[in-house]
Structures are given as structure tokens and as C-alpha cells.
Amino acid sequence: MALIIPVGQAVAETNYDFLSTSGAFGWLLQILPDAALASPRRDAFITLLILGLILAARVLSLALAYITNNYLANRNESYSLRV
């Protein structure tokens, strides 16, 4: 939770200067293309990147839960049919 606080403050203030020295979030700048980093709208690109990563993580989490539930339901049904 302590890692999310600086990112939340950066989004609220639209100031991502801490990313270049951050050990935990420095990799975010490496994902963006050089053209986006040199752009005057750099902060907007970083905000969209963070929101996209949050959305992707949520979708993957829900997909994994769905797959797991289907697998367990099918396994339990096939087991009860054998018994």
C-alpha cells in the first residue's frame, strides 16, 4: 500500500518527476516511447499508462477468477459423476 501513495499523489498533482529516481516505479518511464517522454504532454501519457495498467490488471484478475471457477466446477462435476 505504501507504494501506491506516491503514484496517487502524482496523479492528483500531475507531477511525475519522482519516477526518474524511484526504485519501484522507474520502469514506467522505460515502457513509454521516447517521443512520448519528449512531448510536452508527457504527464498525460504517464497517467494514461498507469490507468491502462490498472485496467489490464483488473481484467486479467477477473479472467483468472473466471477460468479458475470454471475449472473447479468442471472438475467437481466430473468427480461426482464418477462416484
C-alpha atoms as a PDB file:
ATOM      1  CA  MET A   1       0.000   0.000   0.000  1.00  0.00           C
ATOM      2  CA  ALA A   2       2.881   2.342   0.685  1.00  0.00           C
ATOM      3  CA  LEU A   3       3.939   2.073  -2.969  1.00  0.00           C
ATOM      4  CA  ILE A   4       0.566   3.305  -4.226  1.00  0.00           C
ATOM      5  CA  ILE A   5       0.571   6.539  -2.208  1.00  0.00           C
ATOM      6  CA  PRO A   6       3.292   8.337  -4.259  1.00  0.00           C
ATOM      7  CA  VAL A   7       1.610   7.353  -7.521  1.00  0.00           C
ATOM      8  CA  GLY A   8      -1.767   8.569  -6.232  1.00  0.00           C
ATOM      9  CA  GLN A   9      -0.262  11.887  -5.189  1.00  0.00           C
ATOM     10  CA  ALA A  10       1.498  12.200  -8.561  1.00  0.00           C
ATOM     11  CA  VAL A  11      -1.759  11.589 -10.431  1.00  0.00           C
ATOM     12  CA  ALA A  12      -3.562  14.156  -8.271  1.00  0.00           C
ATOM     13  CA  GLU A  13      -0.839  16.764  -8.763  1.00  0.00           C
ATOM     14  CA  THR A  14       0.044  15.701 -12.343  1.00  0.00           C
ATOM     15  CA  ASN A  15       3.726  15.702 -11.441  1.00  0.00           C
ATOM     16  CA  TYR A  16       5.761  12.590 -12.213  1.00  0.00           C
ATOM     17  CA  ASP A  17       9.254  13.892 -11.552  1.00  0.00           C
ATOM     18  CA  PHE A  18       9.798  11.280  -8.823  1.00  0.00           C
ATOM     19  CA  LEU A  19       9.663   8.434 -11.382  1.00  0.00           C
ATOM     20  CA  SER A  20      13.202   9.021 -12.636  1.00  0.00           C
ATOM     21  CA  THR A  21      14.626   8.343  -9.154  1.00  0.00           C
ATOM     22  CA  SER A  22      12.084   5.790  -7.955  1.00  0.00           C
ATOM     23  CA  GLY A  23      13.333   2.263  -7.495  1.00  0.00           C
ATOM     24  CA  ALA A  24       9.835   0.759  -7.578  1.00  0.00           C
ATOM     25  CA  PHE A  25       8.277   2.763 -10.411  1.00  0.00           C
ATOM     26  CA  GLY A  26      11.257   3.747 -12.551  1.00  0.00           C
ATOM     27  CA  TRP A  27      10.345   1.052 -15.065  1.00  0.00           C
ATOM     28  CA  LEU A  28       7.228   3.031 -16.065  1.00  0.00           C
ATOM     29  CA  LEU A  29       9.379   5.513 -17.961  1.00  0.00           C
ATOM     30  CA  GLN A  30      11.066   2.676 -19.856  1.00  0.00           C
ATOM     31  CA  ILE A  31       7.708   1.465 -21.227  1.00  0.00           C
ATOM     32  CA  LEU A  32       6.859   4.783 -22.860  1.00  0.00           C
ATOM     33  CA  PRO A  33       8.359   5.579 -26.264  1.00  0.00           C
ATOM     34  CA  ASP A  34      10.974   8.334 -26.445  1.00  0.00           C
ATOM     35  CA  ALA A  35       8.591  10.546 -28.426  1.00  0.00           C
ATOM     36  CA  ALA A  36       6.089  10.468 -25.545  1.00  0.00           C
ATOM     37  CA  LEU A  37       8.785  11.302 -22.993  1.00  0.00           C
ATOM     38  CA  ALA A  38       9.975  14.290 -25.015  1.00  0.00           C
ATOM     39  CA  SER A  39       6.427  15.542 -25.561  1.00  0.00           C
ATOM     40  CA  PRO A  40       5.041  18.446 -23.530  1.00  0.00           C
ATOM     41  CA  ARG A  41       2.103  16.119 -22.737  1.00  0.00           C
ATOM     42  CA  ARG A  42       4.408  13.628 -21.009  1.00  0.00           C
ATOM     43  CA  ASP A  43       2.369  13.646 -17.803  1.00  0.00           C
ATOM     44  CA  ALA A  44      -0.828  12.836 -19.697  1.00  0.00           C
ATOM     45  CA  PHE A  45       0.879   9.854 -21.358  1.00  0.00           C
ATOM     46  CA  ILE A  46       2.104   8.583 -17.991  1.00  0.00           C
ATOM     47  CA  THR A  47      -1.371   8.979 -16.485  1.00  0.00           C
ATOM     48  CA  LEU A  48      -2.903   7.004 -19.350  1.00  0.00           C
ATOM     49  CA  LEU A  49      -0.223   4.346 -18.953  1.00  0.00           C
ATOM     50  CA  ILE A  50      -0.953   3.969 -15.229  1.00  0.00           C
ATOM     51  CA  LEU A  51      -4.709   3.799 -15.818  1.00  0.00           C
ATOM     52  CA  GLY A  52      -4.191   1.262 -18.608  1.00  0.00           C
ATOM     53  CA  LEU A  53      -2.042  -0.923 -16.363  1.00  0.00           C
ATOM     54  CA  ILE A  54      -4.647  -0.774 -13.599  1.00  0.00           C
ATOM     55  CA  LEU A  55      -7.396  -1.704 -16.057  1.00  0.00           C
ATOM     56  CA  ALA A  56      -5.340  -4.547 -17.549  1.00  0.00           C
ATOM     57  CA  ALA A  57      -4.584  -5.929 -14.093  1.00  0.00           C
ATOM     58  CA  ARG A  58      -8.271  -5.878 -13.165  1.00  0.00           C
ATOM     59  CA  VAL A  59      -9.337  -7.582 -16.405  1.00  0.00           C
ATOM     60  CA  LEU A  60      -6.668 -10.262 -16.001  1.00  0.00           C
ATOM     61  CA  SER A  61      -7.683 -10.781 -12.386  1.00  0.00           C
ATOM     62  CA  LEU A  62     -11.329 -11.292 -13.350  1.00  0.00           C
ATOM     63  CA  ALA A  63     -10.383 -13.579 -16.243  1.00  0.00           C
ATOM     64  CA  LEU A  64      -8.217 -15.715 -13.976  1.00  0.00           C
ATOM     65  CA  ALA A  65     -11.031 -15.967 -11.409  1.00  0.00           C
ATOM     66  CA  TYR A  66     -13.472 -16.967 -14.154  1.00  0.00           C
ATOM     67  CA  ILE A  67     -11.142 -19.631 -15.541  1.00  0.00           C
ATOM     68  CA  THR A  68     -10.400 -20.972 -12.072  1.00  0.00           C
ATOM     69  CA  ASN A  69     -14.092 -21.182 -11.161  1.00  0.00           C
ATOM     70  CA  ASN A  70     -14.939 -22.950 -14.424  1.00  0.00           C
ATOM     71  CA  TYR A  71     -12.102 -25.415 -13.973  1.00  0.00           C
ATOM     72  CA  LEU A  72     -13.115 -26.196 -10.403  1.00  0.00           C
ATOM     73  CA  ALA A  73     -16.785 -26.561 -11.323  1.00  0.00           C
ATOM     74  CA  ASN A  74     -15.970 -28.922 -14.197  1.00  0.00           C
ATOM     75  CA  ARG A  75     -13.589 -30.929 -12.023  1.00  0.00           C
ATOM     76  CA  ASN A  76     -16.151 -31.246  -9.228  1.00  0.00           C
ATOM     77  CA  GLU A  77     -18.892 -32.260 -11.668  1.00  0.00           C
ATOM     78  CA  SER A  78     -16.735 -34.897 -13.330  1.00  0.00           C
ATOM     79  CA  TYR A  79     -15.705 -36.226  -9.932  1.00  0.00           C
ATOM     80  CA  SER A  80     -19.307 -36.513  -8.725  1.00  0.00           C
ATOM     81  CA  LEU A  81     -20.263 -38.331 -11.952  1.00  0.00           C
ATOM     82  CA  ARG A  82     -17.514 -40.920 -11.377  1.00  0.00           C
ATOM     83  CA  VAL A  83     -18.548 -41.591  -7.793  1.00  0.00           C
END
